[in-house]
Amino acid sequence: MHIVYKADNLFDAHLAKHALEDAGIPAFVFGESLLGGMGELPLFGVLRVAIPDAARAEAEAVMAGLDLGHGPDDPISDIDDLAGQPA
């Protein structure tokens, strides 16, 4: 899996997911179930839109066409993005 977008909010994550799916690319939103876990405190840096590695180039082209801005400055280490990927 490749993280193609780190979203600020759930709406942007699902906009990206649906745009990718409309282009025929399977997309997954990770971190959605964590949003209510912190109570009243905002939880940032957990929403990520992932796609299969084979669709990376096409997915990046789709994401470039969206006007979602950039993802948040991620307080979670980029090492988390590498989880499950071969070294």
C-alpha atoms as a PDB file:
ATOM      1  CA  MET A   1       0.000   0.000   0.000  1.00  0.00           C
ATOM      2  CA  HIS A   2       1.118   3.533  -0.720  1.00  0.00           C
ATOM      3  CA  ILE A   3      -0.117   6.594   1.178  1.00  0.00           C
ATOM      4  CA  VAL A   4      -1.203   9.002  -1.532  1.00  0.00           C
ATOM      5  CA  TYR A   5      -2.834  11.640   0.692  1.00  0.00           C
ATOM      6  CA  LYS A   6      -2.760  12.680   4.356  1.00  0.00           C
ATOM      7  CA  ALA A   7      -6.032  14.442   5.078  1.00  0.00           C
ATOM      8  CA  ASP A   8      -6.878  17.252   7.475  1.00  0.00           C
ATOM      9  CA  ASN A   9     -10.426  16.014   7.886  1.00  0.00           C
ATOM     10  CA  LEU A  10     -12.759  13.168   7.043  1.00  0.00           C
ATOM     11  CA  PHE A  11     -14.454  15.073   4.217  1.00  0.00           C
ATOM     12  CA  ASP A  12     -11.201  15.601   2.316  1.00  0.00           C
ATOM     13  CA  ALA A  13     -10.195  11.981   2.891  1.00  0.00           C
ATOM     14  CA  HIS A  14     -13.423  10.728   1.350  1.00  0.00           C
ATOM     15  CA  LEU A  15     -13.272  13.246  -1.525  1.00  0.00           C
ATOM     16  CA  ALA A  16      -9.835  11.877  -2.384  1.00  0.00           C
ATOM     17  CA  LYS A  17     -11.027   8.281  -2.000  1.00  0.00           C
ATOM     18  CA  HIS A  18     -14.016   8.814  -4.293  1.00  0.00           C
ATOM     19  CA  ALA A  19     -11.938  10.652  -6.910  1.00  0.00           C
ATOM     20  CA  LEU A  20      -9.500   7.750  -6.976  1.00  0.00           C
ATOM     21  CA  GLU A  21     -12.298   5.188  -7.181  1.00  0.00           C
ATOM     22  CA  ASP A  22     -13.921   7.151 -10.040  1.00  0.00           C
ATOM     23  CA  ALA A  23     -10.607   6.758 -11.879  1.00  0.00           C
ATOM     24  CA  GLY A  24     -10.750   3.001 -11.309  1.00  0.00           C
ATOM     25  CA  ILE A  25      -8.178   2.935  -8.510  1.00  0.00           C
ATOM     26  CA  PRO A  26      -9.102   1.080  -5.314  1.00  0.00           C
ATOM     27  CA  ALA A  27      -8.582   3.415  -2.358  1.00  0.00           C
ATOM     28  CA  PHE A  28      -8.776   2.974   1.392  1.00  0.00           C
ATOM     29  CA  VAL A  29      -9.154   5.513   4.218  1.00  0.00           C
ATOM     30  CA  PHE A  30      -7.091   4.582   7.261  1.00  0.00           C
ATOM     31  CA  GLY A  31      -7.580   6.185  10.659  1.00  0.00           C
ATOM     32  CA  GLU A  32     -11.277   6.939  10.296  1.00  0.00           C
ATOM     33  CA  SER A  33     -12.265   4.931  13.358  1.00  0.00           C
ATOM     34  CA  LEU A  34      -9.709   6.779  15.512  1.00  0.00           C
ATOM     35  CA  LEU A  35     -11.366  10.187  15.196  1.00  0.00           C
ATOM     36  CA  GLY A  36     -13.667   9.798  18.205  1.00  0.00           C
ATOM     37  CA  GLY A  37     -11.062   8.109  20.355  1.00  0.00           C
ATOM     38  CA  MET A  38      -9.617  11.260  21.885  1.00  0.00           C
ATOM     39  CA  GLY A  39     -12.872  12.698  23.217  1.00  0.00           C
ATOM     40  CA  GLU A  40     -13.046  16.465  22.833  1.00  0.00           C
ATOM     41  CA  LEU A  41      -9.402  16.895  21.853  1.00  0.00           C
ATOM     42  CA  PRO A  42      -8.730  17.178  18.125  1.00  0.00           C
ATOM     43  CA  LEU A  43      -6.733  14.320  16.670  1.00  0.00           C
ATOM     44  CA  PHE A  44      -4.548  15.258  13.697  1.00  0.00           C
ATOM     45  CA  GLY A  45      -2.367  13.258  11.374  1.00  0.00           C
ATOM     46  CA  VAL A  46      -4.250   9.985  11.458  1.00  0.00           C
ATOM     47  CA  LEU A  47      -6.354  10.149   8.278  1.00  0.00           C
ATOM     48  CA  ARG A  48      -4.507   8.651   5.325  1.00  0.00           C
ATOM     49  CA  VAL A  49      -5.730   7.610   1.896  1.00  0.00           C
ATOM     50  CA  ALA A  50      -3.875   4.582   0.573  1.00  0.00           C
ATOM     51  CA  ILE A  51      -3.809   2.851  -2.802  1.00  0.00           C
ATOM     52  CA  PRO A  52      -2.121  -0.299  -4.133  1.00  0.00           C
ATOM     53  CA  ASP A  53       1.531   0.266  -5.065  1.00  0.00           C
ATOM     54  CA  ALA A  54       0.851  -0.675  -8.696  1.00  0.00           C
ATOM     55  CA  ALA A  55      -1.499   2.314  -9.120  1.00  0.00           C
ATOM     56  CA  ARG A  56       0.884   4.904  -7.667  1.00  0.00           C
ATOM     57  CA  ALA A  57       1.624   6.938 -10.813  1.00  0.00           C
ATOM     58  CA  GLU A  58      -2.014   7.102 -11.898  1.00  0.00           C
ATOM     59  CA  ALA A  59      -3.174   7.932  -8.353  1.00  0.00           C
ATOM     60  CA  GLU A  60      -0.687  10.783  -8.020  1.00  0.00           C
ATOM     61  CA  ALA A  61      -1.985  12.240 -11.296  1.00  0.00           C
ATOM     62  CA  VAL A  62      -5.569  12.058  -9.986  1.00  0.00           C
ATOM     63  CA  MET A  63      -4.566  13.686  -6.695  1.00  0.00           C
ATOM     64  CA  ALA A  64      -2.719  16.468  -8.510  1.00  0.00           C
ATOM     65  CA  GLY A  65      -5.992  17.337 -10.250  1.00  0.00           C
ATOM     66  CA  LEU A  66      -7.846  17.776  -6.961  1.00  0.00           C
ATOM     67  CA  ASP A  67      -7.851  21.079  -5.104  1.00  0.00           C
ATOM     68  CA  LEU A  68      -7.516  19.686  -1.593  1.00  0.00           C
ATOM     69  CA  GLY A  69      -4.377  21.556  -0.646  1.00  0.00           C
ATOM     70  CA  HIS A  70      -1.604  19.730   1.103  1.00  0.00           C
ATOM     71  CA  GLY A  71      -1.929  17.295   3.951  1.00  0.00           C
ATOM     72  CA  PRO A  72      -1.218  18.416   7.505  1.00  0.00           C
ATOM     73  CA  ASP A  73       2.234  18.685   8.984  1.00  0.00           C
ATOM     74  CA  ASP A  74       2.201  15.176  10.286  1.00  0.00           C
ATOM     75  CA  PRO A  75       2.960  14.723  13.982  1.00  0.00           C
ATOM     76  CA  ILE A  76       3.175  10.979  13.358  1.00  0.00           C
ATOM     77  CA  SER A  77       6.498   9.712  12.108  1.00  0.00           C
ATOM     78  CA  ASP A  78       6.846   8.900   8.407  1.00  0.00           C
ATOM     79  CA  ILE A  79       8.096   5.523   9.583  1.00  0.00           C
ATOM     80  CA  ASP A  80       4.410   4.694  10.135  1.00  0.00           C
ATOM     81  CA  ASP A  81       3.895   5.032   6.374  1.00  0.00           C
ATOM     82  CA  LEU A  82       6.419   2.263   5.818  1.00  0.00           C
ATOM     83  CA  ALA A  83       4.624  -0.224   8.041  1.00  0.00           C
ATOM     84  CA  GLY A  84       3.909  -3.385   6.133  1.00  0.00           C
ATOM     85  CA  GLN A  85       6.168  -2.482   3.209  1.00  0.00           C
ATOM     86  CA  PRO A  86       9.201  -4.597   2.400  1.00  0.00           C
ATOM     87  CA  ALA A  87      12.500  -3.093   3.520  1.00  0.00           C
END
